[in-house]
């Protein structure tokens, strides 16, 4: 049976604790980065869908509506994320929302992220007419 010497556990813990804390803080930093990136990806897709619904209205401005939705979704602070920039552009029927930024992590690490949400404009009336027309041809 091994007999512990007085104070040896204290020395071992004192040597291991910085390594344990570094691993723990690194894990927390990575989790915060992944969480922020997932939430910002969801925000980009939600803004693109919201804007695409407005694209079919005559007075609707898809880009303006998507930008308004982004302002609402990004109003809360994001822990560790900074310099968040958004770009909303429409090409044809497709509305694209891009969110770029950086994330400061423990130990001076700095990660960059760029997430994109895209959505084609919803045109339910044209879709229904096309489906009805296909049904008449098949059934006809």
N, C-alpha and C. Protein backbone atom coordinates (compact mmCIF):
# COMPACT_ATOMS: atom_id res chain seq x y z
N UNK A 1 0.84 -1.17 0.00
CA UNK A 1 0.00 0.00 0.00
C UNK A 1 0.88 1.24 0.00
N UNK A 2 0.52 2.20 -0.87
CA UNK A 2 1.32 3.41 -1.01
C UNK A 2 0.87 4.43 0.02
N UNK A 3 1.80 5.01 0.68
CA UNK A 3 1.49 6.04 1.68
C UNK A 3 1.71 7.41 1.06
N UNK A 4 0.70 8.24 1.11
CA UNK A 4 0.82 9.60 0.60
C UNK A 4 1.69 10.42 1.53
N UNK A 5 2.53 11.20 0.93
CA UNK A 5 3.33 12.12 1.73
C UNK A 5 2.52 13.38 1.94
N UNK A 6 2.71 13.99 3.05
CA UNK A 6 1.94 15.17 3.41
C UNK A 6 2.22 16.30 2.41
N UNK A 7 1.16 16.83 1.76
CA UNK A 7 1.28 17.94 0.83
C UNK A 7 1.49 17.54 -0.62
N UNK A 8 1.66 16.26 -0.90
CA UNK A 8 1.91 15.86 -2.29
C UNK A 8 0.68 16.06 -3.17
N UNK A 9 -0.53 15.86 -2.63
CA UNK A 9 -1.75 16.07 -3.40
C UNK A 9 -1.90 17.55 -3.75
N UNK A 10 -1.55 18.42 -2.86
CA UNK A 10 -1.64 19.86 -3.12
C UNK A 10 -0.72 20.26 -4.26
N UNK A 11 0.46 19.71 -4.29
CA UNK A 11 1.41 20.03 -5.36
C UNK A 11 0.90 19.49 -6.69
N UNK A 12 0.37 18.28 -6.71
CA UNK A 12 -0.14 17.69 -7.94
C UNK A 12 -1.34 18.47 -8.48
N UNK A 13 -2.24 18.84 -7.60
CA UNK A 13 -3.41 19.63 -8.02
C UNK A 13 -2.97 21.00 -8.51
N UNK A 14 -2.01 21.60 -7.87
CA UNK A 14 -1.50 22.92 -8.29
C UNK A 14 -0.87 22.85 -9.68
N UNK A 15 -0.28 21.72 -10.03
CA UNK A 15 0.30 21.57 -11.35
C UNK A 15 -0.75 21.24 -12.42
N UNK A 16 -1.78 20.50 -12.04
CA UNK A 16 -2.80 20.09 -13.01
C UNK A 16 -3.93 21.11 -13.21
N UNK A 17 -4.20 21.92 -12.21
CA UNK A 17 -5.34 22.83 -12.28
C UNK A 17 -5.27 23.82 -13.46
N UNK A 18 -4.13 24.42 -13.79
CA UNK A 18 -4.11 25.30 -14.97
C UNK A 18 -4.46 24.57 -16.27
N UNK A 19 -4.01 23.34 -16.40
CA UNK A 19 -4.32 22.56 -17.60
C UNK A 19 -5.81 22.23 -17.65
N UNK A 20 -6.38 21.87 -16.52
CA UNK A 20 -7.81 21.56 -16.46
C UNK A 20 -8.63 22.80 -16.77
N UNK A 21 -8.27 23.94 -16.20
CA UNK A 21 -9.00 25.18 -16.46
C UNK A 21 -8.87 25.63 -17.92
N UNK A 22 -7.69 25.46 -18.50
CA UNK A 22 -7.49 25.82 -19.90
C UNK A 22 -8.38 24.96 -20.80
N UNK A 23 -8.44 23.68 -20.54
CA UNK A 23 -9.29 22.79 -21.32
C UNK A 23 -10.77 23.15 -21.12
N UNK A 24 -11.16 23.46 -19.90
CA UNK A 24 -12.54 23.81 -19.61
C UNK A 24 -12.94 25.11 -20.31
N UNK A 25 -12.11 26.14 -20.21
CA UNK A 25 -12.43 27.42 -20.83
C UNK A 25 -12.41 27.32 -22.36
N UNK A 26 -11.51 26.50 -22.90
CA UNK A 26 -11.51 26.27 -24.34
C UNK A 26 -12.79 25.61 -24.80
N UNK A 27 -13.26 24.65 -24.06
CA UNK A 27 -14.52 23.98 -24.39
C UNK A 27 -15.70 24.94 -24.32
N UNK A 28 -15.74 25.77 -23.29
CA UNK A 28 -16.81 26.75 -23.17
C UNK A 28 -16.76 27.75 -24.32
N UNK A 29 -15.57 28.20 -24.70
CA UNK A 29 -15.44 29.14 -25.82
C UNK A 29 -15.92 28.53 -27.13
N UNK A 30 -15.56 27.30 -27.38
CA UNK A 30 -16.00 26.63 -28.61
C UNK A 30 -17.52 26.46 -28.60
N UNK A 31 -18.08 26.10 -27.47
CA UNK A 31 -19.53 25.94 -27.37
C UNK A 31 -20.25 27.27 -27.63
N UNK A 32 -19.74 28.37 -27.09
CA UNK A 32 -20.35 29.68 -27.33
C UNK A 32 -20.27 30.06 -28.81
N UNK A 33 -19.14 29.78 -29.45
CA UNK A 33 -18.99 30.08 -30.87
C UNK A 33 -19.99 29.28 -31.70
N UNK A 34 -20.09 28.00 -31.43
CA UNK A 34 -21.01 27.14 -32.19
C UNK A 34 -22.47 27.58 -31.95
N UNK A 35 -22.79 27.92 -30.71
CA UNK A 35 -24.15 28.38 -30.39
C UNK A 35 -24.47 29.67 -31.13
N UNK A 36 -23.58 30.65 -31.09
CA UNK A 36 -23.81 31.91 -31.78
C UNK A 36 -23.94 31.71 -33.29
N UNK A 37 -23.08 30.87 -33.84
CA UNK A 37 -23.14 30.64 -35.28
C UNK A 37 -24.45 29.96 -35.67
N UNK A 38 -24.91 29.01 -34.88
CA UNK A 38 -26.19 28.35 -35.17
C UNK A 38 -27.35 29.33 -35.07
N UNK A 39 -27.36 30.17 -34.06
CA UNK A 39 -28.43 31.16 -33.91
C UNK A 39 -28.41 32.18 -35.03
N UNK A 40 -27.23 32.61 -35.44
CA UNK A 40 -27.13 33.58 -36.53
C UNK A 40 -27.51 32.95 -37.87
N UNK A 41 -27.22 31.67 -38.06
CA UNK A 41 -27.66 30.98 -39.28
C UNK A 41 -29.18 30.91 -39.32
N UNK A 42 -29.80 30.59 -38.20
CA UNK A 42 -31.26 30.55 -38.13
C UNK A 42 -31.85 31.94 -38.38
N UNK A 43 -31.20 32.99 -37.86
CA UNK A 43 -31.68 34.35 -38.08
C UNK A 43 -31.59 34.72 -39.56
N UNK A 44 -30.51 34.32 -40.24
CA UNK A 44 -30.36 34.62 -41.66
C UNK A 44 -31.45 33.93 -42.47
N UNK A 45 -31.73 32.67 -42.17
CA UNK A 45 -32.78 31.94 -42.89
C UNK A 45 -34.16 32.52 -42.60
N UNK A 46 -34.40 32.88 -41.35
CA UNK A 46 -35.70 33.45 -41.00
C UNK A 46 -35.93 34.79 -41.69
N UNK A 47 -34.89 35.62 -41.76
CA UNK A 47 -35.02 36.90 -42.46
C UNK A 47 -35.25 36.69 -43.95
N UNK A 48 -34.58 35.69 -44.54
CA UNK A 48 -34.77 35.42 -45.97
C UNK A 48 -36.18 34.93 -46.25
N UNK A 49 -36.71 34.09 -45.39
CA UNK A 49 -38.09 33.60 -45.58
C UNK A 49 -39.09 34.74 -45.40
N UNK A 50 -38.88 35.57 -44.39
CA UNK A 50 -39.78 36.70 -44.16
C UNK A 50 -39.77 37.65 -45.35
N UNK A 51 -38.59 37.94 -45.86
CA UNK A 51 -38.49 38.82 -47.02
C UNK A 51 -39.09 38.21 -48.28
N UNK A 52 -38.93 36.91 -48.46
CA UNK A 52 -39.45 36.27 -49.66
C UNK A 52 -40.97 36.28 -49.69
N UNK A 53 -41.61 36.28 -48.53
CA UNK A 53 -43.07 36.37 -48.51
C UNK A 53 -43.52 37.74 -48.98
N UNK A 54 -42.74 38.78 -48.71
CA UNK A 54 -43.12 40.13 -49.14
C UNK A 54 -42.82 40.38 -50.61
N UNK A 55 -42.06 39.53 -51.24
CA UNK A 55 -41.67 39.74 -52.64
C UNK A 55 -42.85 39.65 -53.59
N UNK A 56 -43.92 38.97 -53.21
CA UNK A 56 -45.04 38.80 -54.14
C UNK A 56 -46.03 39.96 -54.06
N UNK A 57 -45.96 40.74 -53.01
CA UNK A 57 -46.88 41.88 -52.90
C UNK A 57 -46.38 43.02 -53.77
N UNK A 58 -47.29 43.75 -54.35
CA UNK A 58 -46.91 44.86 -55.23
C UNK A 58 -46.16 45.94 -54.45
N UNK A 59 -46.67 46.28 -53.28
CA UNK A 59 -46.03 47.33 -52.49
C UNK A 59 -44.94 46.78 -51.57
N UNK A 60 -44.77 45.47 -51.56
CA UNK A 60 -43.78 44.85 -50.68
C UNK A 60 -42.36 45.00 -51.19
N UNK A 61 -41.46 45.29 -50.29
CA UNK A 61 -40.04 45.39 -50.61
C UNK A 61 -39.34 44.29 -49.83
N UNK A 62 -38.90 43.25 -50.54
CA UNK A 62 -38.33 42.07 -49.90
C UNK A 62 -37.07 42.41 -49.12
N UNK A 63 -36.21 43.22 -49.70
CA UNK A 63 -34.95 43.56 -49.03
C UNK A 63 -35.20 44.37 -47.76
N UNK A 64 -36.10 45.33 -47.84
CA UNK A 64 -36.40 46.15 -46.66
C UNK A 64 -37.01 45.30 -45.55
N UNK A 65 -37.92 44.42 -45.91
CA UNK A 65 -38.58 43.56 -44.90
C UNK A 65 -37.57 42.61 -44.25
N UNK A 66 -36.66 42.05 -45.06
CA UNK A 66 -35.64 41.15 -44.50
C UNK A 66 -34.69 41.92 -43.59
N UNK A 67 -34.33 43.14 -43.96
CA UNK A 67 -33.44 43.96 -43.12
C UNK A 67 -34.12 44.31 -41.80
N UNK A 68 -35.42 44.63 -41.84
CA UNK A 68 -36.16 44.91 -40.61
C UNK A 68 -36.19 43.69 -39.69
N UNK A 69 -36.41 42.52 -40.28
CA UNK A 69 -36.44 41.28 -39.48
C UNK A 69 -35.07 41.02 -38.86
N UNK A 70 -33.99 41.28 -39.61
CA UNK A 70 -32.65 41.10 -39.06
C UNK A 70 -32.39 42.03 -37.89
N UNK A 71 -32.86 43.27 -37.98
CA UNK A 71 -32.67 44.21 -36.88
C UNK A 71 -33.35 43.72 -35.61
N UNK A 72 -34.52 43.14 -35.78
CA UNK A 72 -35.23 42.59 -34.61
C UNK A 72 -34.49 41.39 -34.04
N UNK A 73 -34.03 40.50 -34.92
CA UNK A 73 -33.37 39.27 -34.45
C UNK A 73 -31.99 39.53 -33.87
N UNK A 74 -31.29 40.54 -34.35
CA UNK A 74 -29.92 40.81 -33.90
C UNK A 74 -29.84 41.89 -32.84
N UNK A 75 -30.96 42.31 -32.29
CA UNK A 75 -30.93 43.39 -31.31
C UNK A 75 -30.34 42.94 -29.97
N UNK A 76 -30.45 41.67 -29.62
CA UNK A 76 -29.88 41.17 -28.37
C UNK A 76 -28.38 41.02 -28.51
N UNK A 77 -27.64 41.24 -27.44
CA UNK A 77 -26.18 41.07 -27.52
C UNK A 77 -25.79 39.60 -27.66
N UNK A 78 -24.72 39.37 -28.39
CA UNK A 78 -24.20 38.02 -28.61
C UNK A 78 -22.90 37.91 -27.86
N UNK A 79 -22.84 37.05 -26.86
CA UNK A 79 -21.66 36.95 -26.02
C UNK A 79 -20.45 36.49 -26.84
N UNK A 80 -19.43 37.32 -26.90
CA UNK A 80 -18.22 36.98 -27.60
C UNK A 80 -18.19 37.40 -29.05
N UNK A 81 -19.37 37.56 -29.68
CA UNK A 81 -19.42 37.94 -31.09
C UNK A 81 -19.36 39.46 -31.21
N UNK A 82 -18.66 39.90 -32.24
CA UNK A 82 -18.49 41.34 -32.44
C UNK A 82 -18.40 41.62 -33.94
N UNK A 83 -18.51 42.88 -34.28
CA UNK A 83 -18.43 43.33 -35.68
C UNK A 83 -19.38 42.55 -36.58
N UNK A 84 -20.63 42.44 -36.16
CA UNK A 84 -21.62 41.71 -36.96
C UNK A 84 -22.15 42.64 -38.05
N UNK A 85 -21.96 42.23 -39.31
CA UNK A 85 -22.42 43.00 -40.46
C UNK A 85 -23.39 42.14 -41.27
N UNK A 86 -24.40 42.80 -41.81
CA UNK A 86 -25.40 42.07 -42.60
C UNK A 86 -25.47 42.64 -44.01
N UNK A 87 -25.73 41.77 -44.95
CA UNK A 87 -25.93 42.15 -46.35
C UNK A 87 -27.19 41.43 -46.84
N UNK A 88 -28.12 42.19 -47.38
CA UNK A 88 -29.34 41.63 -47.95
C UNK A 88 -29.38 42.02 -49.42
N UNK A 89 -29.46 41.04 -50.29
CA UNK A 89 -29.53 41.34 -51.72
C UNK A 89 -30.51 40.40 -52.40
N UNK A 90 -31.10 40.91 -53.45
CA UNK A 90 -32.07 40.14 -54.21
C UNK A 90 -31.62 40.05 -55.65
N UNK A 91 -31.54 38.83 -56.14
CA UNK A 91 -31.19 38.57 -57.54
C UNK A 91 -32.29 37.72 -58.14
N UNK A 92 -33.05 38.34 -59.00
CA UNK A 92 -34.18 37.62 -59.58
C UNK A 92 -35.21 37.29 -58.51
N UNK A 93 -35.56 36.02 -58.40
CA UNK A 93 -36.52 35.57 -57.39
C UNK A 93 -35.86 35.16 -56.08
N UNK A 94 -34.54 35.16 -56.01
CA UNK A 94 -33.84 34.67 -54.84
C UNK A 94 -33.39 35.82 -53.95
N UNK A 95 -33.73 35.72 -52.68
CA UNK A 95 -33.31 36.69 -51.69
C UNK A 95 -32.21 36.06 -50.84
N UNK A 96 -31.07 36.73 -50.73
CA UNK A 96 -29.95 36.22 -49.95
C UNK A 96 -29.67 37.14 -48.77
N UNK A 97 -29.47 36.55 -47.62
CA UNK A 97 -29.11 37.28 -46.41
C UNK A 97 -27.79 36.73 -45.91
N UNK A 98 -26.80 37.60 -45.77
CA UNK A 98 -25.46 37.19 -45.32
C UNK A 98 -25.16 37.92 -44.01
N UNK A 99 -24.69 37.16 -43.02
CA UNK A 99 -24.27 37.73 -41.74
C UNK A 99 -22.81 37.35 -41.54
N UNK A 100 -21.97 38.35 -41.35
CA UNK A 100 -20.54 38.14 -41.12
C UNK A 100 -20.16 38.75 -39.79
N UNK A 101 -19.15 38.19 -39.17
CA UNK A 101 -18.68 38.75 -37.92
C UNK A 101 -17.50 37.98 -37.37
N UNK A 102 -17.14 38.32 -36.18
CA UNK A 102 -16.03 37.66 -35.50
C UNK A 102 -16.44 37.23 -34.11
N UNK A 103 -15.66 36.35 -33.54
CA UNK A 103 -15.94 35.85 -32.20
C UNK A 103 -14.63 35.81 -31.42
N UNK A 104 -14.57 36.54 -30.33
CA UNK A 104 -13.39 36.52 -29.47
C UNK A 104 -13.54 35.39 -28.46
N UNK A 105 -12.50 34.61 -28.35
CA UNK A 105 -12.54 33.46 -27.45
C UNK A 105 -11.49 33.61 -26.36
N UNK A 106 -11.53 32.72 -25.44
CA UNK A 106 -10.59 32.71 -24.33
C UNK A 106 -9.16 32.52 -24.85
N UNK A 107 -8.24 33.25 -24.29
CA UNK A 107 -6.85 33.11 -24.68
C UNK A 107 -6.47 33.96 -25.88
N UNK A 108 -7.30 34.92 -26.26
CA UNK A 108 -6.98 35.79 -27.37
C UNK A 108 -7.28 35.23 -28.75
N UNK A 109 -7.94 34.09 -28.83
CA UNK A 109 -8.31 33.53 -30.13
C UNK A 109 -9.42 34.38 -30.76
N UNK A 110 -9.38 34.49 -32.07
CA UNK A 110 -10.40 35.25 -32.78
C UNK A 110 -10.84 34.44 -33.99
N UNK A 111 -12.11 34.05 -34.01
CA UNK A 111 -12.65 33.26 -35.11
C UNK A 111 -13.58 34.14 -35.92
N UNK A 112 -13.59 33.94 -37.22
CA UNK A 112 -14.48 34.65 -38.13
C UNK A 112 -15.59 33.69 -38.58
N UNK A 113 -16.77 34.23 -38.81
CA UNK A 113 -17.85 33.41 -39.34
C UNK A 113 -18.59 34.19 -40.42
N UNK A 114 -19.17 33.44 -41.33
CA UNK A 114 -19.99 33.99 -42.41
C UNK A 114 -21.12 32.99 -42.68
N UNK A 115 -22.34 33.40 -42.37
CA UNK A 115 -23.49 32.51 -42.58
C UNK A 115 -24.41 33.14 -43.61
N UNK A 116 -25.08 32.29 -44.37
CA UNK A 116 -25.93 32.75 -45.46
C UNK A 116 -27.30 32.07 -45.38
N UNK A 117 -28.32 32.83 -45.65
CA UNK A 117 -29.68 32.31 -45.77
C UNK A 117 -30.23 32.72 -47.13
N UNK A 118 -30.74 31.76 -47.87
CA UNK A 118 -31.30 32.04 -49.20
C UNK A 118 -32.71 31.47 -49.30
N UNK A 119 -33.52 32.19 -50.05
CA UNK A 119 -34.88 31.71 -50.25
C UNK A 119 -35.43 32.28 -51.54
N UNK A 120 -36.05 31.42 -52.34
CA UNK A 120 -36.74 31.90 -53.54
C UNK A 120 -38.07 32.49 -53.12
N UNK A 121 -38.56 33.43 -53.90
CA UNK A 121 -39.82 34.10 -53.58
C UNK A 121 -40.98 33.12 -53.64
N UNK A 122 -41.85 33.22 -52.66
CA UNK A 122 -43.05 32.40 -52.65
C UNK A 122 -44.06 33.02 -53.62
N UNK A 123 -44.56 32.20 -54.51
CA UNK A 123 -45.61 32.63 -55.42
C UNK A 123 -46.71 31.57 -55.38
N UNK A 124 -47.55 31.60 -54.34
CA UNK A 124 -48.53 30.52 -54.15
C UNK A 124 -49.58 30.44 -55.26
N UNK A 125 -50.00 31.57 -55.81
CA UNK A 125 -51.05 31.54 -56.84
C UNK A 125 -50.51 30.86 -58.10
N UNK A 126 -49.30 31.22 -58.51
CA UNK A 126 -48.71 30.59 -59.70
C UNK A 126 -48.49 29.10 -59.48
N UNK A 127 -48.10 28.72 -58.26
CA UNK A 127 -47.88 27.30 -57.95
C UNK A 127 -49.19 26.52 -58.02
N UNK A 128 -50.25 27.09 -57.46
CA UNK A 128 -51.54 26.41 -57.47
C UNK A 128 -52.06 26.27 -58.90
N UNK A 129 -51.90 27.31 -59.71
CA UNK A 129 -52.32 27.22 -61.11
C UNK A 129 -51.54 26.16 -61.86
N UNK A 130 -50.24 26.09 -61.61
CA UNK A 130 -49.42 25.09 -62.28
C UNK A 130 -49.84 23.68 -61.87
N UNK A 131 -50.13 23.48 -60.60
CA UNK A 131 -50.55 22.16 -60.11
C UNK A 131 -51.92 21.80 -60.69
N UNK A 132 -52.83 22.75 -60.72
CA UNK A 132 -54.15 22.47 -61.29
C UNK A 132 -54.04 22.15 -62.78
N UNK A 133 -53.17 22.89 -63.47
CA UNK A 133 -52.98 22.63 -64.90
C UNK A 133 -52.40 21.25 -65.14
N UNK A 134 -51.47 20.82 -64.31
CA UNK A 134 -50.89 19.48 -64.44
C UNK A 134 -51.93 18.42 -64.13
N UNK A 135 -52.79 18.69 -63.17
CA UNK A 135 -53.84 17.73 -62.85
C UNK A 135 -54.85 17.58 -63.95
N UNK A 136 -55.18 18.67 -64.64
CA UNK A 136 -56.13 18.62 -65.74
C UNK A 136 -55.55 17.86 -66.92
N UNK A 137 -54.24 18.04 -67.16
CA UNK A 137 -53.61 17.32 -68.28
C UNK A 137 -53.59 15.82 -67.99
N UNK A 138 -53.23 15.45 -66.78
CA UNK A 138 -53.16 14.03 -66.43
C UNK A 138 -54.55 13.40 -66.39
N UNK A 139 -55.48 14.11 -65.79
CA UNK A 139 -56.82 13.55 -65.64
C UNK A 139 -57.67 13.70 -66.89
N UNK A 140 -57.27 14.60 -67.78
CA UNK A 140 -58.07 14.98 -68.90
C UNK A 140 -58.18 14.03 -69.98
